[in-house]
Amino acid sequence: MDTNATLKAHLLELEERLLQPAVRTSVEELSALLDDDFFEFGSSGAVWYRQEGLHAEGIGIVNMTLNDFEIHPLSPDTTLTTYRIFNENKQQYSLRSSIWRYSDGRWQMFFHQGTPVPE
């Protein structure tokens, strides 16, 4: 498996890809990055499941900046990522956490949560 530095760089790249308009509007790209059983507790309080929420237009475009990225390996094939997001559209900060699982030669996001915070 990857060293921590390599793993951190790779998962940061995947998290940043999920913020890109071309990825967020592509069912093919999203399907490659999100586990079949993916679910999310959004910063809005909404719960989102991949099986119910992934539509032909994807998941919508956002303008967000990611900072303070860290990884927390839970097992050889499961890692928690944590970071801070600034949503430029909503002028809102949130703390984010994702659980990534390694299977079939790739990492996929299994869970994500956003928690709004003051600046």
PDB file of N, CA and C in Angstrom:
ATOM      1  N   MET A   1       0.856  -1.189   0.000  1.00  0.00           N
ATOM      2  CA  MET A   1       0.000   0.000   0.000  1.00  0.00           C
ATOM      3  C   MET A   1       0.891   1.236   0.000  1.00  0.00           C
ATOM      4  N   ASP A   2       0.317   2.387  -0.157  1.00  0.00           N
ATOM      5  CA  ASP A   2       1.036   3.657  -0.242  1.00  0.00           C
ATOM      6  C   ASP A   2       1.666   4.062   1.092  1.00  0.00           C
ATOM      7  N   THR A   3       2.748   4.822   1.013  1.00  0.00           N
ATOM      8  CA  THR A   3       3.255   5.476   2.214  1.00  0.00           C
ATOM      9  C   THR A   3       2.280   6.585   2.586  1.00  0.00           C
ATOM     10  N   ASN A   4       2.355   7.082   3.818  1.00  0.00           N
ATOM     11  CA  ASN A   4       1.419   8.131   4.241  1.00  0.00           C
ATOM     12  C   ASN A   4       1.515   9.391   3.392  1.00  0.00           C
ATOM     13  N   ALA A   5       2.734   9.816   3.034  1.00  0.00           N
ATOM     14  CA  ALA A   5       2.881  11.037   2.225  1.00  0.00           C
ATOM     15  C   ALA A   5       2.281  10.847   0.835  1.00  0.00           C
ATOM     16  N   THR A   6       2.530   9.703   0.241  1.00  0.00           N
ATOM     17  CA  THR A   6       1.976   9.406  -1.082  1.00  0.00           C
ATOM     18  C   THR A   6       0.461   9.280  -1.015  1.00  0.00           C
ATOM     19  N   LEU A   7      -0.010   8.599   0.013  1.00  0.00           N
ATOM     20  CA  LEU A   7      -1.453   8.437   0.195  1.00  0.00           C
ATOM     21  C   LEU A   7      -2.124   9.794   0.411  1.00  0.00           C
ATOM     22  N   LYS A   8      -1.520  10.635   1.226  1.00  0.00           N
ATOM     23  CA  LYS A   8      -2.079  11.965   1.485  1.00  0.00           C
ATOM     24  C   LYS A   8      -2.181  12.771   0.193  1.00  0.00           C
ATOM     25  N   ALA A   9      -1.132  12.756  -0.611  1.00  0.00           N
ATOM     26  CA  ALA A   9      -1.140  13.495  -1.881  1.00  0.00           C
ATOM     27  C   ALA A   9      -2.214  12.947  -2.820  1.00  0.00           C
ATOM     28  N   HIS A  10      -2.348  11.623  -2.864  1.00  0.00           N
ATOM     29  CA  HIS A  10      -3.323  11.005  -3.762  1.00  0.00           C
ATOM     30  C   HIS A  10      -4.759  11.328  -3.329  1.00  0.00           C
ATOM     31  N   LEU A  11      -5.045  11.190  -2.042  1.00  0.00           N
ATOM     32  CA  LEU A  11      -6.406  11.465  -1.576  1.00  0.00           C
ATOM     33  C   LEU A  11      -6.746  12.949  -1.668  1.00  0.00           C
ATOM     34  N   LEU A  12      -5.765  13.820  -1.466  1.00  0.00           N
ATOM     35  CA  LEU A  12      -5.996  15.252  -1.674  1.00  0.00           C
ATOM     36  C   LEU A  12      -6.380  15.510  -3.128  1.00  0.00           C
ATOM     37  N   GLU A  13      -5.676  14.873  -4.043  1.00  0.00           N
ATOM     38  CA  GLU A  13      -5.997  15.023  -5.467  1.00  0.00           C
ATOM     39  C   GLU A  13      -7.425  14.559  -5.751  1.00  0.00           C
ATOM     40  N   LEU A  14      -7.842  13.436  -5.166  1.00  0.00           N
ATOM     41  CA  LEU A  14      -9.200  12.932  -5.388  1.00  0.00           C
ATOM     42  C   LEU A  14     -10.245  13.876  -4.792  1.00  0.00           C
ATOM     43  N   GLU A  15      -9.981  14.378  -3.582  1.00  0.00           N
ATOM     44  CA  GLU A  15     -10.916  15.334  -2.961  1.00  0.00           C
ATOM     45  C   GLU A  15     -11.038  16.594  -3.825  1.00  0.00           C
ATOM     46  N   GLU A  16      -9.916  17.086  -4.330  1.00  0.00           N
ATOM     47  CA  GLU A  16      -9.944  18.287  -5.181  1.00  0.00           C
ATOM     48  C   GLU A  16     -10.656  18.020  -6.501  1.00  0.00           C
ATOM     49  N   ARG A  17     -10.515  16.813  -7.042  1.00  0.00           N
ATOM     50  CA  ARG A  17     -11.239  16.466  -8.276  1.00  0.00           C
ATOM     51  C   ARG A  17     -12.740  16.564  -8.064  1.00  0.00           C
ATOM     52  N   LEU A  18     -13.192  16.151  -6.877  1.00  0.00           N
ATOM     53  CA  LEU A  18     -14.627  16.193  -6.594  1.00  0.00           C
ATOM     54  C   LEU A  18     -15.179  17.614  -6.489  1.00  0.00           C
ATOM     55  N   LEU A  19     -14.311  18.600  -6.488  1.00  0.00           N
ATOM     56  CA  LEU A  19     -14.747  20.003  -6.481  1.00  0.00           C
ATOM     57  C   LEU A  19     -14.778  20.603  -7.883  1.00  0.00           C
ATOM     58  N   GLN A  20     -14.224  19.903  -8.858  1.00  0.00           N
ATOM     59  CA  GLN A  20     -14.111  20.434 -10.219  1.00  0.00           C
ATOM     60  C   GLN A  20     -15.429  20.296 -10.991  1.00  0.00           C
ATOM     61  N   PRO A  21     -15.846  21.354 -11.692  1.00  0.00           N
ATOM     62  CA  PRO A  21     -17.096  21.298 -12.453  1.00  0.00           C
ATOM     63  C   PRO A  21     -17.164  20.121 -13.427  1.00  0.00           C
ATOM     64  N   ALA A  22     -16.081  19.828 -14.124  1.00  0.00           N
ATOM     65  CA  ALA A  22     -16.101  18.741 -15.111  1.00  0.00           C
ATOM     66  C   ALA A  22     -16.366  17.389 -14.459  1.00  0.00           C
ATOM     67  N   VAL A  23     -15.923  17.216 -13.240  1.00  0.00           N
ATOM     68  CA  VAL A  23     -16.152  15.960 -12.515  1.00  0.00           C
ATOM     69  C   VAL A  23     -17.548  15.955 -11.905  1.00  0.00           C
ATOM     70  N   ARG A  24     -17.946  17.056 -11.305  1.00  0.00           N
ATOM     71  CA  ARG A  24     -19.240  17.130 -10.621  1.00  0.00           C
ATOM     72  C   ARG A  24     -20.428  17.005 -11.577  1.00  0.00           C
ATOM     73  N   THR A  25     -20.204  17.267 -12.862  1.00  0.00           N
ATOM     74  CA  THR A  25     -21.282  17.163 -13.847  1.00  0.00           C
ATOM     75  C   THR A  25     -21.169  15.903 -14.698  1.00  0.00           C
ATOM     76  N   SER A  26     -20.278  15.000 -14.336  1.00  0.00           N
ATOM     77  CA  SER A  26     -20.077  13.767 -15.097  1.00  0.00           C
ATOM     78  C   SER A  26     -20.444  12.549 -14.250  1.00  0.00           C
ATOM     79  N   VAL A  27     -21.502  11.866 -14.631  1.00  0.00           N
ATOM     80  CA  VAL A  27     -21.903  10.655 -13.916  1.00  0.00           C
ATOM     81  C   VAL A  27     -20.782   9.621 -13.976  1.00  0.00           C
ATOM     82  N   GLU A  28     -20.093   9.526 -15.102  1.00  0.00           N
ATOM     83  CA  GLU A  28     -18.995   8.569 -15.249  1.00  0.00           C
ATOM     84  C   GLU A  28     -17.867   8.870 -14.257  1.00  0.00           C
ATOM     85  N   GLU A  29     -17.457  10.130 -14.178  1.00  0.00           N
ATOM     86  CA  GLU A  29     -16.390  10.524 -13.244  1.00  0.00           C
ATOM     87  C   GLU A  29     -16.825  10.302 -11.797  1.00  0.00           C
ATOM     88  N   LEU A  30     -18.039  10.717 -11.466  1.00  0.00           N
ATOM     89  CA  LEU A  30     -18.534  10.555 -10.103  1.00  0.00           C
ATOM     90  C   LEU A  30     -18.655   9.085  -9.726  1.00  0.00           C
ATOM     91  N   SER A  31     -19.097   8.264 -10.659  1.00  0.00           N
ATOM     92  CA  SER A  31     -19.221   6.831 -10.391  1.00  0.00           C
ATOM     93  C   SER A  31     -17.873   6.189 -10.106  1.00  0.00           C
ATOM     94  N   ALA A  32     -16.822   6.708 -10.730  1.00  0.00           N
ATOM     95  CA  ALA A  32     -15.478   6.185 -10.483  1.00  0.00           C
ATOM     96  C   ALA A  32     -14.965   6.593  -9.100  1.00  0.00           C
ATOM     97  N   LEU A  33     -15.391   7.757  -8.605  1.00  0.00           N
ATOM     98  CA  LEU A  33     -14.880   8.281  -7.335  1.00  0.00           C
ATOM     99  C   LEU A  33     -15.742   7.934  -6.128  1.00  0.00           C
ATOM    100  N   LEU A  34     -17.032   7.721  -6.337  1.00  0.00           N
ATOM    101  CA  LEU A  34     -17.943   7.450  -5.223  1.00  0.00           C
ATOM    102  C   LEU A  34     -18.315   5.977  -5.177  1.00  0.00           C
ATOM    103  N   ASP A  35     -18.134   5.365  -4.026  1.00  0.00           N
ATOM    104  CA  ASP A  35     -18.494   3.970  -3.802  1.00  0.00           C
ATOM    105  C   ASP A  35     -19.989   3.769  -4.081  1.00  0.00           C
ATOM    106  N   ASP A  36     -20.368   2.576  -4.505  1.00  0.00           N
ATOM    107  CA  ASP A  36     -21.783   2.292  -4.763  1.00  0.00           C
ATOM    108  C   ASP A  36     -22.653   2.569  -3.538  1.00  0.00           C
ATOM    109  N   ASP A  37     -22.100   2.364  -2.344  1.00  0.00           N
ATOM    110  CA  ASP A  37     -22.846   2.563  -1.103  1.00  0.00           C
ATOM    111  C   ASP A  37     -22.585   3.930  -0.465  1.00  0.00           C
ATOM    112  N   PHE A  38     -22.034   4.865  -1.228  1.00  0.00           N
ATOM    113  CA  PHE A  38     -21.708   6.196  -0.708  1.00  0.00           C
ATOM    114  C   PHE A  38     -22.934   6.901  -0.139  1.00  0.00           C
ATOM    115  N   PHE A  39     -22.715   7.609   0.993  1.00  0.00           N
ATOM    116  CA  PHE A  39     -23.732   8.511   1.521  1.00  0.00           C
ATOM    117  C   PHE A  39     -23.053   9.697   2.179  1.00  0.00           C
ATOM    118  N   GLU A  40     -23.812  10.781   2.329  1.00  0.00           N
ATOM    119  CA  GLU A  40     -23.266  12.041   2.837  1.00  0.00           C
ATOM    120  C   GLU A  40     -24.246  12.710   3.787  1.00  0.00           C
ATOM    121  N   PHE A  41     -23.700  13.281   4.862  1.00  0.00           N
ATOM    122  CA  PHE A  41     -24.435  14.214   5.708  1.00  0.00           C
ATOM    123  C   PHE A  41     -23.923  15.590   5.317  1.00  0.00           C
ATOM    124  N   GLY A  42     -24.711  16.317   4.535  1.00  0.00           N
ATOM    125  CA  GLY A  42     -24.268  17.595   3.998  1.00  0.00           C
ATOM    126  C   GLY A  42     -24.247  18.706   5.032  1.00  0.00           C
ATOM    127  N   SER A  43     -23.520  19.770   4.714  1.00  0.00           N
ATOM    128  CA  SER A  43     -23.442  20.919   5.621  1.00  0.00           C
ATOM    129  C   SER A  43     -24.798  21.610   5.761  1.00  0.00           C
ATOM    130  N   SER A  44     -25.713  21.328   4.839  1.00  0.00           N
ATOM    131  CA  SER A  44     -27.072  21.875   4.917  1.00  0.00           C
ATOM    132  C   SER A  44     -27.947  21.071   5.871  1.00  0.00           C
ATOM    133  N   GLY A  45     -27.456  19.899   6.278  1.00  0.00           N
ATOM    134  CA  GLY A  45     -28.242  18.999   7.116  1.00  0.00           C
ATOM    135  C   GLY A  45     -28.918  17.903   6.315  1.00  0.00           C
ATOM    136  N   ALA A  46     -28.865  18.003   4.998  1.00  0.00           N
ATOM    137  CA  ALA A  46     -29.483  16.990   4.147  1.00  0.00           C
ATOM    138  C   ALA A  46     -28.634  15.720   4.113  1.00  0.00           C
ATOM    139  N   VAL A  47     -29.308  14.585   3.975  1.00  0.00           N
ATOM    140  CA  VAL A  47     -28.629  13.301   3.806  1.00  0.00           C
ATOM    141  C   VAL A  47     -28.755  12.926   2.338  1.00  0.00           C
ATOM    142  N   TRP A  48     -27.643  12.531   1.736  1.00  0.00           N
ATOM    143  CA  TRP A  48     -27.607  12.242   0.307  1.00  0.00           C
ATOM    144  C   TRP A  48     -27.010  10.853   0.091  1.00  0.00           C
ATOM    145  N   TYR A  49     -27.683  10.027  -0.712  1.00  0.00           N
ATOM    146  CA  TYR A  49     -27.212   8.684  -1.053  1.00  0.00           C
ATOM    147  C   TYR A  49     -26.909   8.633  -2.541  1.00  0.00           C
ATOM    148  N   ARG A  50     -25.788   8.045  -2.890  1.00  0.00           N
ATOM    149  CA  ARG A  50     -25.412   7.973  -4.304  1.00  0.00           C
ATOM    150  C   ARG A  50     -26.502   7.303  -5.133  1.00  0.00           C
ATOM    151  N   GLN A  51     -27.037   6.202  -4.643  1.00  0.00           N
ATOM    152  CA  GLN A  51     -28.024   5.439  -5.412  1.00  0.00           C
ATOM    153  C   GLN A  51     -29.283   6.258  -5.724  1.00  0.00           C
ATOM    154  N   GLU A  52     -29.598   7.230  -4.872  1.00  0.00           N
ATOM    155  CA  GLU A  52     -30.809   8.036  -5.068  1.00  0.00           C
ATOM    156  C   GLU A  52     -30.531   9.415  -5.647  1.00  0.00           C
ATOM    157  N   GLY A  53     -29.316   9.931  -5.460  1.00  0.00           N
ATOM    158  CA  GLY A  53     -29.059  11.325  -5.774  1.00  0.00           C
ATOM    159  C   GLY A  53     -28.220  11.608  -6.995  1.00  0.00           C
ATOM    160  N   LEU A  54     -27.673  10.580  -7.625  1.00  0.00           N
ATOM    161  CA  LEU A  54     -26.813  10.795  -8.786  1.00  0.00           C
ATOM    162  C   LEU A  54     -27.672  10.816 -10.044  1.00  0.00           C
ATOM    163  N   HIS A  55     -27.803  12.004 -10.637  1.00  0.00           N
ATOM    164  CA  HIS A  55     -28.651  12.194 -11.811  1.00  0.00           C
ATOM    165  C   HIS A  55     -27.792  12.419 -13.051  1.00  0.00           C
ATOM    166  N   ALA A  56     -28.418  12.464 -14.200  1.00  0.00           N
ATOM    167  CA  ALA A  56     -27.707  12.619 -15.470  1.00  0.00           C
ATOM    168  C   ALA A  56     -26.836  13.870 -15.503  1.00  0.00           C
ATOM    169  N   GLU A  57     -27.236  14.928 -14.778  1.00  0.00           N
ATOM    170  CA  GLU A  57     -26.457  16.173 -14.770  1.00  0.00           C
ATOM    171  C   GLU A  57     -25.403  16.186 -13.667  1.00  0.00           C
ATOM    172  N   GLY A  58     -25.254  15.084 -12.961  1.00  0.00           N
ATOM    173  CA  GLY A  58     -24.254  15.003 -11.900  1.00  0.00           C
ATOM    174  C   GLY A  58     -24.789  15.537 -10.588  1.00  0.00           C
ATOM    175  N   ILE A  59     -23.920  16.226  -9.829  1.00  0.00           N
ATOM    176  CA  ILE A  59     -24.310  16.702  -8.497  1.00  0.00           C
ATOM    177  C   ILE A  59     -24.230  18.219  -8.362  1.00  0.00           C
ATOM    178  N   GLY A  60     -24.010  18.910  -9.455  1.00  0.00           N
ATOM    179  CA  GLY A  60     -24.015  20.371  -9.425  1.00  0.00           C
ATOM    180  C   GLY A  60     -22.646  20.989  -9.225  1.00  0.00           C
ATOM    181  N   ILE A  61     -22.502  22.179  -9.737  1.00  0.00           N
ATOM    182  CA  ILE A  61     -21.226  22.899  -9.697  1.00  0.00           C
ATOM    183  C   ILE A  61     -21.144  23.730  -8.416  1.00  0.00           C
ATOM    184  N   VAL A  62     -19.963  23.719  -7.805  1.00  0.00           N
ATOM    185  CA  VAL A  62     -19.698  24.520  -6.609  1.00  0.00           C
ATOM    186  C   VAL A  62     -18.399  25.289  -6.801  1.00  0.00           C
ATOM    187  N   ASN A  63     -18.228  26.332  -6.030  1.00  0.00           N
ATOM    188  CA  ASN A  63     -16.984  27.099  -6.052  1.00  0.00           C
ATOM    189  C   ASN A  63     -16.431  27.078  -4.632  1.00  0.00           C
ATOM    190  N   MET A  64     -15.552  26.108  -4.357  1.00  0.00           N
ATOM    191  CA  MET A  64     -15.045  25.887  -3.010  1.00  0.00           C
ATOM    192  C   MET A  64     -13.526  25.834  -2.998  1.00  0.00           C
ATOM    193  N   THR A  65     -12.958  26.269  -1.873  1.00  0.00           N
ATOM    194  CA  THR A  65     -11.517  26.224  -1.653  1.00  0.00           C
ATOM    195  C   THR A  65     -11.238  25.291  -0.486  1.00  0.00           C
ATOM    196  N   LEU A  66     -10.315  24.361  -0.688  1.00  0.00           N
ATOM    197  CA  LEU A  66      -9.977  23.346   0.309  1.00  0.00           C
ATOM    198  C   LEU A  66      -8.669  23.725   1.010  1.00  0.00           C
ATOM    199  N   ASN A  67      -8.637  23.618   2.356  1.00  0.00           N
ATOM    200  CA  ASN A  67      -7.445  23.921   3.155  1.00  0.00           C
ATOM    201  C   ASN A  67      -7.293  22.917   4.295  1.00  0.00           C
ATOM    202  N   ASP A  68      -6.124  22.934   4.919  1.00  0.00           N
ATOM    203  CA  ASP A  68      -5.849  22.166   6.144  1.00  0.00           C
ATOM    204  C   ASP A  68      -6.136  20.672   5.985  1.00  0.00           C
ATOM    205  N   PHE A  69      -5.727  20.108   4.868  1.00  0.00           N
ATOM    206  CA  PHE A  69      -6.005  18.707   4.561  1.00  0.00           C
ATOM    207  C   PHE A  69      -5.119  17.773   5.380  1.00  0.00           C
ATOM    208  N   GLU A  70      -5.728  16.766   5.979  1.00  0.00           N
ATOM    209  CA  GLU A  70      -5.006  15.739   6.740  1.00  0.00           C
ATOM    210  C   GLU A  70      -5.619  14.377   6.458  1.00  0.00           C
ATOM    211  N   ILE A  71      -4.819  13.332   6.660  1.00  0.00           N
ATOM    212  CA  ILE A  71      -5.344  11.971   6.566  1.00  0.00           C
ATOM    213  C   ILE A  71      -5.165  11.286   7.914  1.00  0.00           C
ATOM    214  N   HIS A  72      -6.053  10.327   8.156  1.00  0.00           N
ATOM    215  CA  HIS A  72      -6.041   9.541   9.388  1.00  0.00           C
ATOM    216  C   HIS A  72      -6.317   8.092   8.993  1.00  0.00           C
ATOM    217  N   PRO A  73      -5.264   7.306   8.689  1.00  0.00           N
ATOM    218  CA  PRO A  73      -5.484   5.915   8.286  1.00  0.00           C
ATOM    219  C   PRO A  73      -6.205   5.135   9.389  1.00  0.00           C
ATOM    220  N   LEU A  74      -7.243   4.426   9.005  1.00  0.00           N
ATOM    221  CA  LEU A  74      -8.022   3.616   9.937  1.00  0.00           C
ATOM    222  C   LEU A  74      -7.661   2.142   9.832  1.00  0.00           C
ATOM    223  N   SER A  75      -7.244   1.734   8.649  1.00  0.00           N
ATOM    224  CA  SER A  75      -6.794   0.366   8.383  1.00  0.00           C
ATOM    225  C   SER A  75      -5.997   0.433   7.084  1.00  0.00           C
ATOM    226  N   PRO A  76      -5.389  -0.663   6.650  1.00  0.00           N
ATOM    227  CA  PRO A  76      -4.619  -0.601   5.398  1.00  0.00           C
ATOM    228  C   PRO A  76      -5.448  -0.181   4.178  1.00  0.00           C
ATOM    229  N   ASP A  77      -6.762  -0.413   4.218  1.00  0.00           N
ATOM    230  CA  ASP A  77      -7.587  -0.093   3.050  1.00  0.00           C
ATOM    231  C   ASP A  77      -8.685   0.935   3.338  1.00  0.00           C
ATOM    232  N   THR A  78      -8.600   1.622   4.467  1.00  0.00           N
ATOM    233  CA  THR A  78      -9.607   2.623   4.823  1.00  0.00           C
ATOM    234  C   THR A  78      -8.920   3.823   5.471  1.00  0.00           C
ATOM    235  N   THR A  79      -9.235   5.016   4.964  1.00  0.00           N
ATOM    236  CA  THR A  79      -8.612   6.237   5.484  1.00  0.00           C
ATOM    237  C   THR A  79      -9.652   7.337   5.643  1.00  0.00           C
ATOM    238  N   LEU A  80      -9.564   8.029   6.758  1.00  0.00           N
ATOM    239  CA  LEU A  80     -10.380   9.207   7.020  1.00  0.00           C
ATOM    240  C   LEU A  80      -9.593  10.432   6.576  1.00  0.00           C
ATOM    241  N   THR A  81     -10.224  11.301   5.786  1.00  0.00           N
ATOM    242  CA  THR A  81      -9.605  12.584   5.440  1.00  0.00           C
ATOM    243  C   THR A  81     -10.393  13.681   6.146  1.00  0.00           C
ATOM    244  N   THR A  82      -9.679  14.713   6.581  1.00  0.00           N
ATOM    245  CA  THR A  82     -10.326  15.864   7.210  1.00  0.00           C
ATOM    246  C   THR A  82      -9.745  17.135   6.607  1.00  0.00           C
ATOM    247  N   TYR A  83     -10.586  18.151   6.475  1.00  0.00           N
ATOM    248  CA  TYR A  83     -10.129  19.417   5.911  1.00  0.00           C
ATOM    249  C   TYR A  83     -11.170  20.494   6.145  1.00  0.00           C
ATOM    250  N   ARG A  84     -10.821  21.680   5.749  1.00  0.00           N
ATOM    251  CA  ARG A  84     -11.681  22.853   5.878  1.00  0.00           C
ATOM    252  C   ARG A  84     -12.020  23.343   4.471  1.00  0.00           C
ATOM    253  N   ILE A  85     -13.260  23.734   4.284  1.00  0.00           N
ATOM    254  CA  ILE A  85     -13.739  24.237   2.986  1.00  0.00           C
ATOM    255  C   ILE A  85     -14.288  25.653   3.167  1.00  0.00           C
ATOM    256  N   PHE A  86     -14.022  26.493   2.179  1.00  0.00           N
ATOM    257  CA  PHE A  86     -14.725  27.772   2.094  1.00  0.00           C
ATOM    258  C   PHE A  86     -15.587  27.724   0.850  1.00  0.00           C
ATOM    259  N   ASN A  87     -16.902  27.808   1.032  1.00  0.00           N
ATOM    260  CA  ASN A  87     -17.853  27.825  -0.070  1.00  0.00           C
ATOM    261  C   ASN A  87     -18.020  29.277  -0.502  1.00  0.00           C
ATOM    262  N   GLU A  88     -17.447  29.599  -1.650  1.00  0.00           N
ATOM    263  CA  GLU A  88     -17.456  30.987  -2.113  1.00  0.00           C
ATOM    264  C   GLU A  88     -18.851  31.451  -2.519  1.00  0.00           C
ATOM    265  N   ASN A  89     -19.692  30.532  -2.965  1.00  0.00           N
ATOM    266  CA  ASN A  89     -21.058  30.903  -3.347  1.00  0.00           C
ATOM    267  C   ASN A  89     -21.880  31.306  -2.129  1.00  0.00           C
ATOM    268  N   LYS A  90     -21.744  30.546  -1.044  1.00  0.00           N
ATOM    269  CA  LYS A  90     -22.524  30.795   0.174  1.00  0.00           C
ATOM    270  C   LYS A  90     -21.780  31.646   1.194  1.00  0.00           C
ATOM    271  N   GLN A  91     -20.489  31.939   0.908  1.00  0.00           N
ATOM    272  CA  GLN A  91     -19.651  32.662   1.871  1.00  0.00           C
ATOM    273  C   GLN A  91     -19.696  31.959   3.227  1.00  0.00           C
ATOM    274  N   GLN A  92     -19.452  30.633   3.194  1.00  0.00           N
ATOM    275  CA  GLN A  92     -19.580  29.806   4.391  1.00  0.00           C
ATOM    276  C   GLN A  92     -18.384  28.870   4.531  1.00  0.00           C
ATOM    277  N   TYR A  93     -17.887  28.740   5.759  1.00  0.00           N
ATOM    278  CA  TYR A  93     -16.836  27.779   6.074  1.00  0.00           C
ATOM    279  C   TYR A  93     -17.474  26.508   6.614  1.00  0.00           C
ATOM    280  N   SER A  94     -16.813  25.376   6.371  1.00  0.00           N
ATOM    281  CA  SER A  94     -17.260  24.127   6.979  1.00  0.00           C
ATOM    282  C   SER A  94     -16.066  23.202   7.171  1.00  0.00           C
ATOM    283  N   LEU A  95     -16.198  22.344   8.169  1.00  0.00           N
ATOM    284  CA  LEU A  95     -15.235  21.267   8.370  1.00  0.00           C
ATOM    285  C   LEU A  95     -15.757  20.064   7.610  1.00  0.00           C
ATOM    286  N   ARG A  96     -14.859  19.359   6.949  1.00  0.00           N
ATOM    287  CA  ARG A  96     -15.250  18.218   6.124  1.00  0.00           C
ATOM    288  C   ARG A  96     -14.503  16.971   6.559  1.00  0.00           C
ATOM    289  N   SER A  97     -15.166  15.850   6.440  1.00  0.00           N
ATOM    290  CA  SER A  97     -14.511  14.567   6.669  1.00  0.00           C
ATOM    291  C   SER A  97     -15.053  13.574   5.648  1.00  0.00           C
ATOM    292  N   SER A  98     -14.159  12.727   5.173  1.00  0.00           N
ATOM    293  CA  SER A  98     -14.526  11.700   4.199  1.00  0.00           C
ATOM    294  C   SER A  98     -13.872  10.392   4.607  1.00  0.00           C
ATOM    295  N   ILE A  99     -14.557   9.305   4.354  1.00  0.00           N
ATOM    296  CA  ILE A  99     -13.959   7.982   4.526  1.00  0.00           C
ATOM    297  C   ILE A  99     -13.756   7.403   3.134  1.00  0.00           C
ATOM    298  N   TRP A 100     -12.504   7.065   2.845  1.00  0.00           N
ATOM    299  CA  TRP A 100     -12.114   6.483   1.564  1.00  0.00           C
ATOM    300  C   TRP A 100     -11.757   5.017   1.771  1.00  0.00           C
ATOM    301  N   ARG A 101     -12.219   4.155   0.837  1.00  0.00           N
ATOM    302  CA  ARG A 101     -11.892   2.724   0.900  1.00  0.00           C
ATOM    303  C   ARG A 101     -11.140   2.327  -0.367  1.00  0.00           C
ATOM    304  N   TYR A 102     -10.124   1.498  -0.176  1.00  0.00           N
ATOM    305  CA  TYR A 102      -9.334   0.992  -1.297  1.00  0.00           C
ATOM    306  C   TYR A 102      -9.842  -0.394  -1.655  1.00  0.00           C
ATOM    307  N   SER A 103     -10.293  -0.549  -2.902  1.00  0.00           N
ATOM    308  CA  SER A 103     -10.818  -1.826  -3.373  1.00  0.00           C
ATOM    309  C   SER A 103     -10.653  -1.895  -4.884  1.00  0.00           C
ATOM    310  N   ASP A 104     -10.364  -3.067  -5.379  1.00  0.00           N
ATOM    311  CA  ASP A 104     -10.216  -3.277  -6.828  1.00  0.00           C
ATOM    312  C   ASP A 104      -9.217  -2.307  -7.448  1.00  0.00           C
ATOM    313  N   GLY A 105      -8.143  -2.009  -6.713  1.00  0.00           N
ATOM    314  CA  GLY A 105      -7.066  -1.193  -7.256  1.00  0.00           C
ATOM    315  C   GLY A 105      -7.306   0.303  -7.276  1.00  0.00           C
ATOM    316  N   ARG A 106      -8.333   0.784  -6.555  1.00  0.00           N
ATOM    317  CA  ARG A 106      -8.594   2.229  -6.546  1.00  0.00           C
ATOM    318  C   ARG A 106      -9.246   2.646  -5.223  1.00  0.00           C
ATOM    319  N   TRP A 107      -9.096   3.933  -4.936  1.00  0.00           N
ATOM    320  CA  TRP A 107      -9.734   4.531  -3.773  1.00  0.00           C
ATOM    321  C   TRP A 107     -11.075   5.126  -4.182  1.00  0.00           C
ATOM    322  N   GLN A 108     -12.107   4.863  -3.377  1.00  0.00           N
ATOM    323  CA  GLN A 108     -13.420   5.465  -3.595  1.00  0.00           C
ATOM    324  C   GLN A 108     -13.945   6.016  -2.272  1.00  0.00           C
ATOM    325  N   MET A 109     -14.642   7.136  -2.369  1.00  0.00           N
ATOM    326  CA  MET A 109     -15.236   7.738  -1.181  1.00  0.00           C
ATOM    327  C   MET A 109     -16.480   6.950  -0.792  1.00  0.00           C
ATOM    328  N   PHE A 110     -16.516   6.546   0.475  1.00  0.00           N
ATOM    329  CA  PHE A 110     -17.644   5.787   1.006  1.00  0.00           C
ATOM    330  C   PHE A 110     -18.591   6.680   1.814  1.00  0.00           C
ATOM    331  N   PHE A 111     -18.032   7.684   2.501  1.00  0.00           N
ATOM    332  CA  PHE A 111     -18.831   8.552   3.366  1.00  0.00           C
ATOM    333  C   PHE A 111     -18.245   9.956   3.353  1.00  0.00           C
ATOM    334  N   HIS A 112     -19.122  10.956   3.489  1.00  0.00           N
ATOM    335  CA  HIS A 112     -18.665  12.346   3.573  1.00  0.00           C
ATOM    336  C   HIS A 112     -19.594  13.111   4.504  1.00  0.00           C
ATOM    337  N   GLN A 113     -19.018  14.043   5.274  1.00  0.00           N
ATOM    338  CA  GLN A 113     -19.819  14.907   6.136  1.00  0.00           C
ATOM    339  C   GLN A 113     -19.272  16.319   6.098  1.00  0.00           C
ATOM    340  N   GLY A 114     -20.182  17.279   6.040  1.00  0.00           N
ATOM    341  CA  GLY A 114     -19.829  18.691   6.133  1.00  0.00           C
ATOM    342  C   GLY A 114     -20.512  19.310   7.344  1.00  0.00           C
ATOM    343  N   THR A 115     -19.747  20.034   8.151  1.00  0.00           N
ATOM    344  CA  THR A 115     -20.278  20.682   9.346  1.00  0.00           C
ATOM    345  C   THR A 115     -19.971  22.173   9.274  1.00  0.00           C
ATOM    346  N   PRO A 116     -20.999  23.025   9.168  1.00  0.00           N
ATOM    347  CA  PRO A 116     -20.742  24.467   9.095  1.00  0.00           C
ATOM    348  C   PRO A 116     -20.064  24.964  10.376  1.00  0.00           C
ATOM    349  N   VAL A 117     -19.132  25.894  10.202  1.00  0.00           N
ATOM    350  CA  VAL A 117     -18.436  26.508  11.340  1.00  0.00           C
ATOM    351  C   VAL A 117     -18.281  28.000  11.067  1.00  0.00           C
ATOM    352  N   PRO A 118     -18.151  28.792  12.137  1.00  0.00           N
ATOM    353  CA  PRO A 118     -17.825  30.199  11.915  1.00  0.00           C
ATOM    354  C   PRO A 118     -16.414  30.298  11.357  1.00  0.00           C
ATOM    355  N   GLU A 119     -16.078  31.416  10.819  1.00  0.00           N
ATOM    356  CA  GLU A 119     -14.754  31.637  10.235  1.00  0.00           C
ATOM    357  C   GLU A 119     -13.683  31.054  11.109  1.00  0.00           C
TER     358      GLU A 119
END
